Amino acid sequence: MYDLTGFQRDLLYVIAGQDDPHGLAIKEELEDYYEKEIHHGRLYPNLDTLVDKGLVEKGTKDRRTNVYSVTRRGTRELEARRDWESQYVDLD
């Protein structure tokens, strides 16, 4: 996960927090968070990077809609990231 950009990490968290979201749902969630428009030219290449790294799986809902889910490896990476963060930030 150390080699991901902040945007890619945010994508991974959003995908992990939803049930097989499609690209538009991911885009809308990130636009709410960033409070600005996320262009397709930024979103989809970064999603493809997560797929290429084996962190996210890309499937199809229908002929026009792709859905995304976090792989086991992606889940392990998220857990490792949270463990690492908790060494520095204790919010309990």
C-alpha atoms as a PDB file:
ATOM      1  CA  MET A   1       0.000   0.000   0.000  1.00  0.00           C
ATOM      2  CA  TYR A   2       3.032   2.255   0.474  1.00  0.00           C
ATOM      3  CA  ASP A   3       3.268   2.720  -3.289  1.00  0.00           C
ATOM      4  CA  LEU A   4      -0.303   3.995  -3.710  1.00  0.00           C
ATOM      5  CA  THR A   5      -1.184   7.650  -4.026  1.00  0.00           C
ATOM      6  CA  GLY A   6      -3.534   9.158  -1.473  1.00  0.00           C
ATOM      7  CA  PHE A   7      -6.276   9.171  -4.104  1.00  0.00           C
ATOM      8  CA  GLN A   8      -5.764   5.472  -4.780  1.00  0.00           C
ATOM      9  CA  ARG A   9      -5.949   4.721  -1.045  1.00  0.00           C
ATOM     10  CA  ASP A  10      -9.175   6.707  -0.840  1.00  0.00           C
ATOM     11  CA  LEU A  11     -10.552   4.692  -3.763  1.00  0.00           C
ATOM     12  CA  LEU A  12      -9.679   1.480  -1.971  1.00  0.00           C
ATOM     13  CA  TYR A  13     -11.416   2.612   1.220  1.00  0.00           C
ATOM     14  CA  VAL A  14     -14.547   3.681  -0.671  1.00  0.00           C
ATOM     15  CA  ILE A  15     -14.742   0.370  -2.527  1.00  0.00           C
ATOM     16  CA  ALA A  16     -14.238  -1.556   0.725  1.00  0.00           C
ATOM     17  CA  GLY A  17     -17.062   0.375   2.344  1.00  0.00           C
ATOM     18  CA  GLN A  18     -19.674  -0.450  -0.295  1.00  0.00           C
ATOM     19  CA  ASP A  19     -21.144  -3.622  -1.756  1.00  0.00           C
ATOM     20  CA  ASP A  20     -19.725  -3.992  -5.269  1.00  0.00           C
ATOM     21  CA  PRO A  21     -20.011  -0.312  -6.187  1.00  0.00           C
ATOM     22  CA  HIS A  22     -20.004   0.802  -9.809  1.00  0.00           C
ATOM     23  CA  GLY A  23     -17.781   3.587 -11.070  1.00  0.00           C
ATOM     24  CA  LEU A  24     -20.398   6.329 -10.789  1.00  0.00           C
ATOM     25  CA  ALA A  25     -21.159   5.452  -7.138  1.00  0.00           C
ATOM     26  CA  ILE A  26     -17.437   5.567  -6.334  1.00  0.00           C
ATOM     27  CA  LYS A  27     -17.103   8.870  -8.178  1.00  0.00           C
ATOM     28  CA  GLU A  28     -20.028  10.420  -6.289  1.00  0.00           C
ATOM     29  CA  GLU A  29     -18.674   9.284  -2.919  1.00  0.00           C
ATOM     30  CA  LEU A  30     -15.259  10.790  -3.641  1.00  0.00           C
ATOM     31  CA  GLU A  31     -16.803  14.012  -4.929  1.00  0.00           C
ATOM     32  CA  ASP A  32     -18.657  14.353  -1.627  1.00  0.00           C
ATOM     33  CA  TYR A  33     -15.427  13.778   0.281  1.00  0.00           C
ATOM     34  CA  TYR A  34     -13.189  16.018  -1.844  1.00  0.00           C
ATOM     35  CA  GLU A  35     -15.952  18.588  -2.373  1.00  0.00           C
ATOM     36  CA  LYS A  36     -15.060  18.895  -6.044  1.00  0.00           C
ATOM     37  CA  GLU A  37     -15.678  17.101  -9.304  1.00  0.00           C
ATOM     38  CA  ILE A  38     -13.689  13.958 -10.015  1.00  0.00           C
ATOM     39  CA  HIS A  39     -13.135  13.562 -13.745  1.00  0.00           C
ATOM     40  CA  HIS A  40     -13.401  10.191 -15.461  1.00  0.00           C
ATOM     41  CA  GLY A  41      -9.835  10.661 -16.712  1.00  0.00           C
ATOM     42  CA  ARG A  42      -8.653  10.591 -13.112  1.00  0.00           C
ATOM     43  CA  LEU A  43     -11.012   7.982 -11.715  1.00  0.00           C
ATOM     44  CA  TYR A  44     -10.808   5.094 -14.152  1.00  0.00           C
ATOM     45  CA  PRO A  45      -7.032   4.962 -14.694  1.00  0.00           C
ATOM     46  CA  ASN A  46      -6.594   4.865 -10.908  1.00  0.00           C
ATOM     47  CA  LEU A  47      -9.205   2.111 -10.592  1.00  0.00           C
ATOM     48  CA  ASP A  48      -7.318   0.183 -13.278  1.00  0.00           C
ATOM     49  CA  THR A  49      -4.092   0.616 -11.290  1.00  0.00           C
ATOM     50  CA  LEU A  50      -5.743  -0.929  -8.223  1.00  0.00           C
ATOM     51  CA  VAL A  51      -6.961  -3.814 -10.377  1.00  0.00           C
ATOM     52  CA  ASP A  52      -3.477  -4.276 -11.892  1.00  0.00           C
ATOM     53  CA  LYS A  53      -1.939  -4.370  -8.395  1.00  0.00           C
ATOM     54  CA  GLY A  54      -4.382  -7.096  -7.343  1.00  0.00           C
ATOM     55  CA  LEU A  55      -6.052  -4.960  -4.676  1.00  0.00           C
ATOM     56  CA  VAL A  56      -9.398  -4.620  -6.446  1.00  0.00           C
ATOM     57  CA  GLU A  57     -11.362  -6.953  -8.683  1.00  0.00           C
ATOM     58  CA  LYS A  58     -13.342  -5.578 -11.600  1.00  0.00           C
ATOM     59  CA  GLY A  59     -16.518  -7.370 -12.611  1.00  0.00           C
ATOM     60  CA  THR A  60     -19.560  -6.592 -14.702  1.00  0.00           C
ATOM     61  CA  LYS A  61     -23.093  -5.887 -13.583  1.00  0.00           C
ATOM     62  CA  ASP A  62     -24.401  -5.628 -17.127  1.00  0.00           C
ATOM     63  CA  ARG A  63     -22.952  -4.823 -20.534  1.00  0.00           C
ATOM     64  CA  ARG A  64     -22.452  -1.173 -19.637  1.00  0.00           C
ATOM     65  CA  THR A  65     -21.660  -1.229 -15.927  1.00  0.00           C
ATOM     66  CA  ASN A  66     -18.523  -2.408 -14.168  1.00  0.00           C
ATOM     67  CA  VAL A  67     -18.532  -3.174 -10.466  1.00  0.00           C
ATOM     68  CA  TYR A  68     -15.556  -3.232  -8.139  1.00  0.00           C
ATOM     69  CA  SER A  69     -14.723  -5.198  -5.012  1.00  0.00           C
ATOM     70  CA  VAL A  70     -11.703  -5.367  -2.751  1.00  0.00           C
ATOM     71  CA  THR A  71      -9.705  -8.585  -3.034  1.00  0.00           C
ATOM     72  CA  ARG A  72      -8.350 -10.534  -0.069  1.00  0.00           C
ATOM     73  CA  ARG A  73      -5.004  -8.935  -0.725  1.00  0.00           C
ATOM     74  CA  GLY A  74      -6.647  -5.508  -0.731  1.00  0.00           C
ATOM     75  CA  THR A  75      -8.308  -6.270   2.601  1.00  0.00           C
ATOM     76  CA  ARG A  76      -4.979  -7.391   4.077  1.00  0.00           C
ATOM     77  CA  GLU A  77      -3.352  -4.183   2.827  1.00  0.00           C
ATOM     78  CA  LEU A  78      -6.119  -2.070   4.388  1.00  0.00           C
ATOM     79  CA  GLU A  79      -5.735  -3.902   7.698  1.00  0.00           C
ATOM     80  CA  ALA A  80      -1.961  -3.465   7.622  1.00  0.00           C
ATOM     81  CA  ARG A  81      -2.400   0.238   6.888  1.00  0.00           C
ATOM     82  CA  ARG A  82      -4.783   0.666   9.818  1.00  0.00           C
ATOM     83  CA  ASP A  83      -2.365  -1.169  12.114  1.00  0.00           C
ATOM     84  CA  TRP A  84       0.455   1.087  10.961  1.00  0.00           C
ATOM     85  CA  GLU A  85      -1.670   4.224  11.419  1.00  0.00           C
ATOM     86  CA  SER A  86      -2.722   3.155  14.914  1.00  0.00           C
ATOM     87  CA  GLN A  87       0.928   3.259  16.009  1.00  0.00           C
ATOM     88  CA  TYR A  88       0.832   7.003  15.474  1.00  0.00           C
ATOM     89  CA  VAL A  89      -2.772   8.002  16.046  1.00  0.00           C
ATOM     90  CA  ASP A  90      -4.842   6.640  18.898  1.00  0.00           C
ATOM     91  CA  LEU A  91      -8.410   7.865  18.591  1.00  0.00           C
ATOM     92  CA  ASP A  92      -9.870   5.749  21.404  1.00  0.00           C
END
